[in-house]
Every structure is written in structure tokens, then in C-alpha cells.
Amino acid sequence: MIINYSEVAVKELIDEVLDDYARNNPNTCTCERCKDDIMALALNNLPVKYVSSEQGEIYTKVVYDQIGGKAQVIAAIMSAIQKVQKNPRH
């Protein structure tokens, strides 16, 4: 199975980042449509990291954690939250 590790990373972090942001910005919508829009925007601004095995996924996760990949994912999610908050589609 081929997966995009950037997508895995966004899915792992989006709830935590969105909840933290919403705590400080009470008007932030956390509905599924807005969440999907946030994920799509974040993924469009991250490099694609395809892996085809569990070993590849583990290796990519370690590399991501070591070289600031997690911070890059969080920054992409935060930017996407702000864009969606300004222009919600509902």
C-alpha cells in the first residue's frame, strides 16, 4: 500500500492543533467541513512524502521528527486554520 506520510502527519496532529487554536480563538469553527478544508489546504502546502511499507513509514516519521517536519506540519495546519476561519464555506 502506498501512502502519503504528510497526510498521516496532518491527520495525527490536526485535532490537537485545531483544539489549541480554538481555545485561544473562540470563534473558530471545528465542524467536519471546515476540518476537511483545513486538511486540504495544509496538505497542498506540504511536500509529498510517499512510502510503500511500514518500515518506510517508521523511517519517514523518525526523519520528520528529527529535521523539524512536525513543526512544518503544525505551521501548515495553523496557516490553513486562519484561512478557513476567514472564509468558511458554510
Protein backbone atom coordinates (compact mmCIF):
# COMPACT_ATOMS: atom_id res chain seq x y z
CA MET A 1 0.00 0.00 0.00
CA ILE A 2 1.31 3.43 -0.92
CA ILE A 3 0.57 6.27 1.48
CA ASN A 4 1.48 9.93 1.65
CA TYR A 5 3.19 10.37 5.02
CA SER A 6 2.37 14.08 5.02
CA GLU A 7 -1.31 13.09 5.11
CA VAL A 8 -0.66 10.73 8.02
CA ALA A 9 1.14 13.50 9.91
CA VAL A 10 -1.66 16.04 9.30
CA LYS A 11 -4.30 13.54 10.43
CA GLU A 12 -2.31 12.81 13.60
CA LEU A 13 -1.91 16.48 14.52
CA ILE A 14 -4.99 18.30 13.24
CA ASP A 15 -7.28 17.69 16.22
CA GLU A 16 -4.67 18.80 18.76
CA VAL A 17 -3.65 21.89 16.78
CA LEU A 18 -7.24 22.86 15.99
CA ASP A 19 -8.35 22.41 19.62
CA ASP A 20 -5.44 24.53 20.89
CA TYR A 21 -6.18 27.24 18.33
CA ALA A 22 -9.93 27.19 19.11
CA ARG A 23 -9.22 27.55 22.82
CA ASN A 24 -7.49 30.87 22.14
CA ASN A 25 -9.85 31.90 19.32
CA PRO A 26 -13.40 31.01 20.40
CA ASN A 27 -14.98 31.86 17.02
CA THR A 28 -13.05 29.10 15.28
CA CYS A 29 -15.31 26.56 13.60
CA THR A 30 -14.35 22.93 14.14
CA CYS A 31 -17.07 21.28 12.06
CA GLU A 32 -16.11 18.43 9.71
CA ARG A 33 -16.37 20.57 6.57
CA CYS A 34 -14.01 23.21 7.96
CA LYS A 35 -11.71 20.50 9.26
CA ASP A 36 -11.60 18.89 5.80
CA ASP A 37 -10.85 22.28 4.22
CA ILE A 38 -8.05 22.84 6.75
CA MET A 39 -6.58 19.43 5.97
CA ALA A 40 -6.74 20.03 2.21
CA LEU A 41 -5.09 23.44 2.46
CA ALA A 42 -2.39 22.16 4.80
CA LEU A 43 -1.61 19.20 2.53
CA ASN A 44 -1.42 21.45 -0.52
CA ASN A 45 1.31 23.41 1.26
CA LEU A 46 3.38 20.43 2.40
CA PRO A 47 5.79 18.32 0.40
CA VAL A 48 4.51 14.90 -0.64
CA LYS A 49 6.25 12.02 1.16
CA TYR A 50 5.14 8.71 -0.30
CA VAL A 51 6.06 5.47 1.42
CA SER A 52 5.16 1.92 0.46
CA SER A 53 5.88 -0.07 3.61
CA GLU A 54 5.51 0.11 7.35
CA GLN A 55 9.30 0.29 7.61
CA GLY A 56 9.31 3.26 5.24
CA GLU A 57 6.59 4.95 7.29
CA ILE A 58 8.56 4.48 10.51
CA TYR A 59 11.76 5.77 8.90
CA THR A 60 9.96 8.80 7.46
CA LYS A 61 8.36 9.55 10.85
CA VAL A 62 11.77 9.49 12.56
CA VAL A 63 13.27 11.76 9.90
CA TYR A 64 10.27 14.11 10.13
CA ASP A 65 10.65 14.36 13.89
CA GLN A 66 14.40 14.96 13.69
CA ILE A 67 14.53 17.64 11.00
CA GLY A 68 11.61 19.79 12.03
CA GLY A 69 8.99 18.11 9.88
CA LYS A 70 6.49 18.14 12.73
CA ALA A 71 6.92 21.90 13.11
CA GLN A 72 6.41 22.29 9.36
CA VAL A 73 3.16 20.29 9.57
CA ILE A 74 1.92 22.34 12.53
CA ALA A 75 2.74 25.59 10.71
CA ALA A 76 0.84 24.41 7.61
CA ILE A 77 -2.18 23.47 9.75
CA MET A 78 -2.12 26.81 11.59
CA SER A 79 -1.96 28.74 8.32
CA ALA A 80 -4.84 26.69 6.92
CA ILE A 81 -6.94 27.25 10.07
CA GLN A 82 -6.51 31.00 9.72
CA LYS A 83 -7.51 30.94 6.03
CA VAL A 84 -10.58 28.80 6.66
CA GLN A 85 -11.57 30.89 9.67
CA LYS A 86 -11.60 33.99 7.45
CA ASN A 87 -13.52 32.27 4.65
CA PRO A 88 -15.65 29.37 5.92
CA ARG A 89 -17.69 27.55 3.27
CA HIS A 90 -20.81 27.06 5.37
